[in-house]
Each structure stands twice: as C-alpha cells, then as structure tokens.
Amino acid sequence: MGNRGFTLIEIMVVITILAILAALVAPKFVGKTDDARIVAAKVQIKNIEGALAFYKLDNAFYPATEQGLEALVNQPTIGQVPKRWRKGGYLSKIPMDPWSHPYAYFSPGSNDDYDLISYGQDGEPGGEGENADIESWNLE
C-alpha cells in the first residue's frame, strides 16, 4: 500500500479556493449586523410602546420620567402611583437596546406623550449610521 494523503500543492489549492470564496461572500454580510441591530431596536421600541399603552389603559397616564420604564416591571412608589397597576407588571424585564445600552425614556416627551430612544451603537445622543438615534416618534 502506498502512502495516502494530500500534497502541499493540493492543500494550497484548497486554501486558495476557500480564500476566494470568503472574499466574495464576506462583503455581503459585513454591515448586515448593524442593519439587524437597528431593526431589533425598532422592534423592541414597538414592544415597549405596547406595554406603555397597556399601562396607560389601566392607569390613565404614562409612567413619569423619574419612574422610568421600570414602572412597567415593578409598581412605582414615587411620583403619581398607579392605583390599577397590573399584577405581574407589563413586561417581565426592561430590555437593553441591541448595543447593550438602556433605552432613554422621557414622559412627557418633547415629541409625543413620551419619548423612547435608543442612542445607537455609541450610546450618545445624535450621530449617523450605526450611531444614529432610533426614536419612537420617528420609526420607519
């Protein structure tokens, strides 16, 4: 029996083919992660808005800024305390945005009854591209 195996040339050809395939496919996926995070932030904002709508339906007002989104998980004890707060809350927990930053919540808001914002990848107000703010009143 002869020795079986791959020659160095065969291995180099396979590596070259894999590198060419990676060079062709990788650019199609680069940037898609940022797009997916933006879409995820918009979906989370919509979910939080749904919980806020139920909160208002039960209590006739939105949580105040100082109560924050935490009022959707635990009954507030400061500010205007809701008398008809739903047992078990409106969310099981407050999600972080897809970049692991907390959502900014202001009520009353400057654009609506409340403003709910993800500050994007940089976690700072303003910015462009992946650093752009995602705002509840400005969802596409």
N, C-alpha and C. Protein backbone atom coordinates (compact mmCIF):
# COMPACT_ATOMS: atom_id res chain seq x y z
N MET A 1 0.83 -1.17 0.00
CA MET A 1 0.00 0.00 0.00
C MET A 1 0.88 1.24 0.00
N GLY A 2 0.47 2.19 -0.80
CA GLY A 2 1.20 3.45 -0.87
C GLY A 2 0.73 4.40 0.23
N ASN A 3 1.50 5.39 0.48
CA ASN A 3 1.11 6.40 1.45
C ASN A 3 -0.01 7.24 0.86
N ARG A 4 -1.04 7.41 1.65
CA ARG A 4 -2.17 8.24 1.20
C ARG A 4 -2.13 9.55 1.94
N GLY A 5 -2.54 10.60 1.27
CA GLY A 5 -2.56 11.92 1.89
C GLY A 5 -2.61 12.98 0.81
N PHE A 6 -2.57 14.21 1.25
CA PHE A 6 -2.63 15.33 0.31
C PHE A 6 -1.24 15.92 0.17
N THR A 7 -0.96 16.34 -1.03
CA THR A 7 0.32 17.02 -1.24
C THR A 7 0.17 18.47 -0.82
N LEU A 8 1.27 19.13 -0.65
CA LEU A 8 1.28 20.53 -0.28
C LEU A 8 0.57 21.36 -1.35
N ILE A 9 0.74 21.03 -2.58
CA ILE A 9 0.09 21.76 -3.68
C ILE A 9 -1.43 21.63 -3.58
N GLU A 10 -1.93 20.44 -3.31
CA GLU A 10 -3.37 20.24 -3.20
C GLU A 10 -3.95 21.05 -2.03
N ILE A 11 -3.26 21.06 -0.93
CA ILE A 11 -3.71 21.82 0.24
C ILE A 11 -3.72 23.31 -0.09
N MET A 12 -2.69 23.79 -0.79
CA MET A 12 -2.62 25.21 -1.14
C MET A 12 -3.74 25.59 -2.11
N VAL A 13 -4.09 24.72 -3.02
CA VAL A 13 -5.18 24.99 -3.96
C VAL A 13 -6.50 25.11 -3.19
N VAL A 14 -6.75 24.21 -2.25
CA VAL A 14 -7.99 24.25 -1.47
C VAL A 14 -8.04 25.53 -0.64
N ILE A 15 -6.93 25.89 -0.01
CA ILE A 15 -6.89 27.12 0.80
C ILE A 15 -7.14 28.34 -0.08
N THR A 16 -6.59 28.35 -1.28
CA THR A 16 -6.80 29.47 -2.20
C THR A 16 -8.26 29.57 -2.61
N ILE A 17 -8.88 28.44 -2.91
CA ILE A 17 -10.29 28.43 -3.28
C ILE A 17 -11.15 28.94 -2.12
N LEU A 18 -10.86 28.50 -0.90
CA LEU A 18 -11.62 28.96 0.27
C LEU A 18 -11.43 30.46 0.49
N ALA A 19 -10.22 30.96 0.29
CA ALA A 19 -9.95 32.40 0.45
C ALA A 19 -10.73 33.21 -0.58
N ILE A 20 -10.79 32.72 -1.81
CA ILE A 20 -11.54 33.42 -2.86
C ILE A 20 -13.02 33.44 -2.52
N LEU A 21 -13.55 32.31 -2.07
CA LEU A 21 -14.96 32.25 -1.67
C LEU A 21 -15.24 33.19 -0.51
N ALA A 22 -14.36 33.22 0.47
CA ALA A 22 -14.54 34.12 1.62
C ALA A 22 -14.51 35.57 1.17
N ALA A 23 -13.62 35.90 0.24
CA ALA A 23 -13.52 37.28 -0.25
C ALA A 23 -14.79 37.69 -1.01
N LEU A 24 -15.43 36.73 -1.66
CA LEU A 24 -16.65 37.04 -2.40
C LEU A 24 -17.88 37.11 -1.49
N VAL A 25 -17.93 36.28 -0.47
CA VAL A 25 -19.11 36.17 0.38
C VAL A 25 -19.08 37.15 1.55
N ALA A 26 -17.93 37.37 2.15
CA ALA A 26 -17.82 38.21 3.36
C ALA A 26 -18.39 39.61 3.17
N PRO A 27 -18.13 40.31 2.07
CA PRO A 27 -18.68 41.67 1.94
C PRO A 27 -20.20 41.72 1.96
N LYS A 28 -20.85 40.64 1.56
CA LYS A 28 -22.30 40.61 1.56
C LYS A 28 -22.86 40.61 2.98
N PHE A 29 -22.08 40.10 3.94
CA PHE A 29 -22.53 40.02 5.32
C PHE A 29 -22.04 41.17 6.18
N VAL A 30 -20.97 41.83 5.77
CA VAL A 30 -20.47 42.96 6.53
C VAL A 30 -21.49 44.09 6.44
N GLY A 31 -21.82 44.68 7.56
CA GLY A 31 -22.82 45.74 7.59
C GLY A 31 -24.22 45.22 7.87
N LYS A 32 -24.46 43.96 7.62
CA LYS A 32 -25.78 43.40 7.88
C LYS A 32 -26.03 43.28 9.38
N THR A 33 -24.98 43.12 10.16
CA THR A 33 -25.12 43.05 11.61
C THR A 33 -25.68 44.36 12.13
N ASP A 34 -25.15 45.48 11.63
CA ASP A 34 -25.65 46.78 12.06
C ASP A 34 -27.10 46.97 11.65
N ASP A 35 -27.44 46.56 10.44
CA ASP A 35 -28.83 46.66 9.98
C ASP A 35 -29.75 45.82 10.87
N ALA A 36 -29.30 44.63 11.24
CA ALA A 36 -30.11 43.75 12.09
C ALA A 36 -30.31 44.37 13.47
N ARG A 37 -29.29 45.02 14.00
CA ARG A 37 -29.41 45.67 15.31
C ARG A 37 -30.39 46.84 15.25
N ILE A 38 -30.37 47.58 14.17
CA ILE A 38 -31.30 48.70 14.02
C ILE A 38 -32.73 48.19 13.98
N VAL A 39 -32.96 47.12 13.21
CA VAL A 39 -34.29 46.53 13.13
C VAL A 39 -34.70 45.99 14.50
N ALA A 40 -33.79 45.34 15.21
CA ALA A 40 -34.09 44.81 16.54
C ALA A 40 -34.47 45.93 17.50
N ALA A 41 -33.77 47.06 17.44
CA ALA A 41 -34.10 48.20 18.31
C ALA A 41 -35.51 48.71 18.01
N LYS A 42 -35.87 48.79 16.74
CA LYS A 42 -37.21 49.25 16.37
C LYS A 42 -38.27 48.30 16.88
N VAL A 43 -38.01 47.00 16.80
CA VAL A 43 -38.96 46.00 17.29
C VAL A 43 -39.10 46.11 18.81
N GLN A 44 -37.97 46.27 19.51
CA GLN A 44 -38.03 46.41 20.97
C GLN A 44 -38.79 47.67 21.36
N ILE A 45 -38.57 48.77 20.65
CA ILE A 45 -39.29 50.01 20.95
C ILE A 45 -40.79 49.79 20.76
N LYS A 46 -41.19 49.10 19.71
CA LYS A 46 -42.61 48.81 19.48
C LYS A 46 -43.18 47.96 20.62
N ASN A 47 -42.42 46.97 21.09
CA ASN A 47 -42.87 46.13 22.20
C ASN A 47 -43.03 46.94 23.48
N ILE A 48 -42.07 47.81 23.75
CA ILE A 48 -42.16 48.67 24.94
C ILE A 48 -43.35 49.61 24.80
N GLU A 49 -43.56 50.14 23.60
CA GLU A 49 -44.72 51.01 23.37
C GLU A 49 -46.03 50.27 23.65
N GLY A 50 -46.09 49.00 23.29
CA GLY A 50 -47.29 48.21 23.59
C GLY A 50 -47.52 48.10 25.09
N ALA A 51 -46.44 47.85 25.84
CA ALA A 51 -46.55 47.77 27.30
C ALA A 51 -46.96 49.13 27.88
N LEU A 52 -46.41 50.21 27.33
CA LEU A 52 -46.78 51.55 27.79
C LEU A 52 -48.27 51.83 27.51
N ALA A 53 -48.76 51.36 26.38
CA ALA A 53 -50.17 51.55 26.04
C ALA A 53 -51.08 50.82 27.04
N PHE A 54 -50.71 49.60 27.43
CA PHE A 54 -51.49 48.87 28.43
C PHE A 54 -51.42 49.56 29.79
N TYR A 55 -50.24 50.07 30.13
CA TYR A 55 -50.08 50.81 31.38
C TYR A 55 -51.05 52.01 31.41
N LYS A 56 -51.07 52.76 30.30
CA LYS A 56 -51.95 53.93 30.24
C LYS A 56 -53.41 53.51 30.25
N LEU A 57 -53.74 52.44 29.57
CA LEU A 57 -55.12 51.95 29.55
C LEU A 57 -55.59 51.62 30.96
N ASP A 58 -54.74 51.00 31.75
CA ASP A 58 -55.10 50.63 33.13
C ASP A 58 -55.11 51.82 34.07
N ASN A 59 -54.22 52.78 33.85
CA ASN A 59 -53.98 53.83 34.85
C ASN A 59 -54.32 55.24 34.39
N ALA A 60 -54.62 55.44 33.11
CA ALA A 60 -55.00 56.74 32.53
C ALA A 60 -53.82 57.71 32.40
N PHE A 61 -52.61 57.25 32.60
CA PHE A 61 -51.42 58.09 32.42
C PHE A 61 -50.21 57.18 32.17
N TYR A 62 -49.18 57.76 31.57
CA TYR A 62 -47.92 57.04 31.35
C TYR A 62 -47.02 57.21 32.57
N PRO A 63 -46.08 56.29 32.77
CA PRO A 63 -45.12 56.50 33.86
C PRO A 63 -44.35 57.80 33.62
N ALA A 64 -44.03 58.49 34.70
CA ALA A 64 -43.25 59.72 34.60
C ALA A 64 -41.79 59.39 34.34
N THR A 65 -41.05 60.39 33.91
CA THR A 65 -39.63 60.21 33.62
C THR A 65 -38.89 59.63 34.83
N GLU A 66 -39.17 60.17 36.03
CA GLU A 66 -38.45 59.69 37.21
C GLU A 66 -38.81 58.25 37.57
N GLN A 67 -39.98 57.78 37.17
CA GLN A 67 -40.36 56.38 37.38
C GLN A 67 -39.70 55.49 36.33
N GLY A 68 -39.55 56.04 35.16
CA GLY A 68 -38.88 55.34 34.07
C GLY A 68 -39.61 54.11 33.60
N LEU A 69 -38.94 53.37 32.75
CA LEU A 69 -39.51 52.13 32.21
C LEU A 69 -39.63 51.06 33.28
N GLU A 70 -38.92 51.23 34.37
CA GLU A 70 -39.01 50.28 35.49
C GLU A 70 -40.45 50.16 35.99
N ALA A 71 -41.26 51.20 35.77
CA ALA A 71 -42.67 51.18 36.17
C ALA A 71 -43.45 50.11 35.42
N LEU A 72 -42.90 49.61 34.33
CA LEU A 72 -43.56 48.53 33.58
C LEU A 72 -43.28 47.17 34.19
N VAL A 73 -42.28 47.10 35.05
CA VAL A 73 -41.88 45.83 35.67
C VAL A 73 -42.29 45.79 37.14
N ASN A 74 -42.05 46.89 37.86
CA ASN A 74 -42.36 46.99 39.28
C ASN A 74 -43.25 48.20 39.52
N GLN A 75 -44.24 48.04 40.39
CA GLN A 75 -45.16 49.13 40.66
C GLN A 75 -44.42 50.32 41.26
N PRO A 76 -44.60 51.50 40.67
CA PRO A 76 -43.92 52.69 41.17
C PRO A 76 -44.34 53.03 42.60
N THR A 77 -43.40 53.57 43.35
CA THR A 77 -43.69 54.03 44.71
C THR A 77 -43.42 55.52 44.85
N ILE A 78 -42.93 56.14 43.77
CA ILE A 78 -42.67 57.59 43.78
C ILE A 78 -43.52 58.25 42.71
N GLY A 79 -43.70 59.55 42.83
CA GLY A 79 -44.49 60.27 41.84
C GLY A 79 -45.95 59.86 41.90
N GLN A 80 -46.61 59.91 40.77
CA GLN A 80 -48.02 59.52 40.68
C GLN A 80 -48.08 58.00 40.70
N VAL A 81 -48.51 57.45 41.83
CA VAL A 81 -48.56 55.99 42.00
C VAL A 81 -49.83 55.46 41.36
N PRO A 82 -49.70 54.51 40.44
CA PRO A 82 -50.89 53.97 39.76
C PRO A 82 -51.74 53.12 40.70
N LYS A 83 -53.03 53.35 40.68
CA LYS A 83 -53.95 52.61 41.55
C LYS A 83 -54.38 51.28 40.93
N ARG A 84 -54.28 51.18 39.60
CA ARG A 84 -54.74 49.97 38.93
C ARG A 84 -53.58 49.28 38.20
N TRP A 85 -52.41 49.32 38.81
CA TRP A 85 -51.22 48.69 38.21
C TRP A 85 -51.47 47.19 38.09
N ARG A 86 -51.17 46.64 36.96
CA ARG A 86 -51.45 45.23 36.67
C ARG A 86 -50.52 44.31 37.46
N LYS A 87 -51.09 43.39 38.22
CA LYS A 87 -50.29 42.42 38.96
C LYS A 87 -49.43 41.63 37.99
N GLY A 88 -48.15 41.54 38.25
CA GLY A 88 -47.23 40.87 37.35
C GLY A 88 -46.54 41.83 36.39
N GLY A 89 -47.03 43.06 36.35
CA GLY A 89 -46.39 44.07 35.52
C GLY A 89 -46.79 44.00 34.06
N TYR A 90 -46.12 44.80 33.27
CA TYR A 90 -46.43 44.93 31.85
C TYR A 90 -45.32 44.33 30.98
N LEU A 91 -44.16 44.17 31.56
CA LEU A 91 -43.03 43.49 30.93
C LEU A 91 -42.35 42.64 32.00
N SER A 92 -41.73 41.54 31.60
CA SER A 92 -41.01 40.73 32.57
C SER A 92 -39.69 41.39 32.98
N LYS A 93 -39.08 42.11 32.05
CA LYS A 93 -37.88 42.89 32.36
C LYS A 93 -37.73 43.96 31.30
N ILE A 94 -36.97 44.99 31.62
CA ILE A 94 -36.72 46.06 30.66
C ILE A 94 -35.53 45.65 29.80
N PRO A 95 -35.73 45.54 28.49
CA PRO A 95 -34.61 45.12 27.65
C PRO A 95 -33.59 46.24 27.48
N MET A 96 -32.35 45.86 27.29
CA MET A 96 -31.33 46.80 26.87
C MET A 96 -31.44 46.88 25.35
N ASP A 97 -30.97 47.96 24.76
CA ASP A 97 -31.01 48.04 23.31
C ASP A 97 -29.99 47.04 22.73
N PRO A 98 -30.00 46.80 21.44
CA PRO A 98 -29.10 45.78 20.85
C PRO A 98 -27.61 46.06 21.04
N TRP A 99 -27.26 47.25 21.48
CA TRP A 99 -25.85 47.59 21.74
C TRP A 99 -25.56 47.56 23.24
N SER A 100 -26.49 46.98 24.00
CA SER A 100 -26.36 46.83 25.46
C SER A 100 -26.39 48.15 26.22
N HIS A 101 -27.13 49.13 25.70
CA HIS A 101 -27.34 50.41 26.38
C HIS A 101 -28.81 50.46 26.82
N PRO A 102 -29.09 51.15 27.92
CA PRO A 102 -30.50 51.30 28.31
C PRO A 102 -31.23 52.25 27.35
N TYR A 103 -32.51 52.02 27.19
CA TYR A 103 -33.33 52.94 26.41
C TYR A 103 -33.55 54.20 27.23
N ALA A 104 -33.56 55.35 26.58
CA ALA A 104 -33.88 56.62 27.24
C ALA A 104 -35.40 56.80 27.17
N TYR A 105 -35.99 57.18 28.30
CA TYR A 105 -37.43 57.38 28.37
C TYR A 105 -37.71 58.72 29.04
N PHE A 106 -38.54 59.52 28.39
CA PHE A 106 -38.93 60.82 28.92
C PHE A 106 -40.45 60.97 28.80
N SER A 107 -41.10 61.29 29.91
CA SER A 107 -42.55 61.49 29.88
C SER A 107 -42.90 62.62 30.85
N PRO A 108 -43.51 63.69 30.37
CA PRO A 108 -43.94 63.87 28.99
C PRO A 108 -42.75 64.09 28.07
N GLY A 109 -42.92 63.70 26.83
CA GLY A 109 -41.84 63.84 25.86
C GLY A 109 -41.93 65.17 25.13
N SER A 110 -40.89 65.48 24.44
CA SER A 110 -40.90 66.72 23.66
C SER A 110 -41.49 66.50 22.26
N ASN A 111 -41.70 65.23 21.88
CA ASN A 111 -42.25 64.92 20.55
C ASN A 111 -43.61 64.23 20.61
N ASP A 112 -43.97 63.70 21.79
CA ASP A 112 -45.21 62.95 21.94
C ASP A 112 -45.53 62.88 23.42
N ASP A 113 -46.48 62.03 23.81
CA ASP A 113 -46.77 61.86 25.23
C ASP A 113 -45.53 61.37 25.98
N TYR A 114 -44.72 60.61 25.29
CA TYR A 114 -43.43 60.14 25.84
C TYR A 114 -42.44 60.04 24.69
N ASP A 115 -41.18 60.10 25.01
CA ASP A 115 -40.12 59.86 24.04
C ASP A 115 -39.35 58.63 24.50
N LEU A 116 -39.17 57.69 23.60
CA LEU A 116 -38.43 56.47 23.87
C LEU A 116 -37.34 56.37 22.82
N ILE A 117 -36.08 56.29 23.27
CA ILE A 117 -34.96 56.44 22.35
C ILE A 117 -33.87 55.41 22.63
N SER A 118 -33.34 54.82 21.55
CA SER A 118 -32.06 54.11 21.60
C SER A 118 -31.05 55.05 20.98
N TYR A 119 -29.94 55.26 21.66
CA TYR A 119 -28.93 56.18 21.14
C TYR A 119 -27.95 55.49 20.19
N GLY A 120 -28.26 54.29 19.75
CA GLY A 120 -27.43 53.60 18.77
C GLY A 120 -26.15 53.03 19.36
N GLN A 121 -25.25 52.67 18.50
CA GLN A 121 -24.03 51.97 18.90
C GLN A 121 -23.19 52.76 19.90
N ASP A 122 -23.07 54.07 19.71
CA ASP A 122 -22.21 54.86 20.60
C ASP A 122 -22.87 55.21 21.93
N GLY A 123 -24.18 55.00 22.05
CA GLY A 123 -24.87 55.29 23.30
C GLY A 123 -24.99 56.77 23.62
N GLU A 124 -24.72 57.63 22.66
CA GLU A 124 -24.75 59.08 22.85
C GLU A 124 -25.80 59.70 21.93
N PRO A 125 -26.46 60.77 22.38
CA PRO A 125 -27.44 61.44 21.51
C PRO A 125 -26.81 61.91 20.20
N GLY A 126 -27.60 61.83 19.13
CA GLY A 126 -27.12 62.25 17.81
C GLY A 126 -26.36 61.14 17.12
N GLY A 127 -25.69 61.49 16.06
CA GLY A 127 -24.88 60.52 15.33
C GLY A 127 -25.50 60.14 14.00
N GLU A 128 -24.72 59.42 13.22
CA GLU A 128 -25.15 58.96 11.90
C GLU A 128 -24.84 57.48 11.77
N GLY A 129 -25.47 56.84 10.78
CA GLY A 129 -25.24 55.42 10.54
C GLY A 129 -25.61 54.59 11.75
N GLU A 130 -24.71 53.70 12.17
CA GLU A 130 -24.99 52.84 13.33
C GLU A 130 -25.00 53.62 14.64
N ASN A 131 -24.53 54.86 14.64
CA ASN A 131 -24.56 55.72 15.83
C ASN A 131 -25.81 56.59 15.88
N ALA A 132 -26.65 56.52 14.86
CA ALA A 132 -27.85 57.36 14.80
C ALA A 132 -28.86 56.93 15.86
N ASP A 133 -29.60 57.91 16.38
CA ASP A 133 -30.65 57.63 17.36
C ASP A 133 -31.83 56.94 16.68
N ILE A 134 -32.46 56.04 17.41
CA ILE A 134 -33.68 55.39 16.94
C ILE A 134 -34.77 55.85 17.89
N GLU A 135 -35.72 56.61 17.36
CA GLU A 135 -36.69 57.33 18.19
C GLU A 135 -38.10 56.80 17.97
N SER A 136 -38.85 56.68 19.06
CA SER A 136 -40.21 56.12 18.99
C SER A 136 -41.12 56.92 18.08
N TRP A 137 -40.94 58.21 17.98
CA TRP A 137 -41.82 59.05 17.15
C TRP A 137 -41.34 59.12 15.71
N ASN A 138 -40.23 58.46 15.42
CA ASN A 138 -39.63 58.58 14.09
C ASN A 138 -39.27 57.21 13.52
N LEU A 139 -40.06 56.20 13.82
CA LEU A 139 -39.79 54.86 13.29
C LEU A 139 -40.30 54.76 11.87
N GLU A 140 -39.57 54.08 11.03
CA GLU A 140 -39.99 53.90 9.62
C GLU A 140 -40.75 52.63 9.46
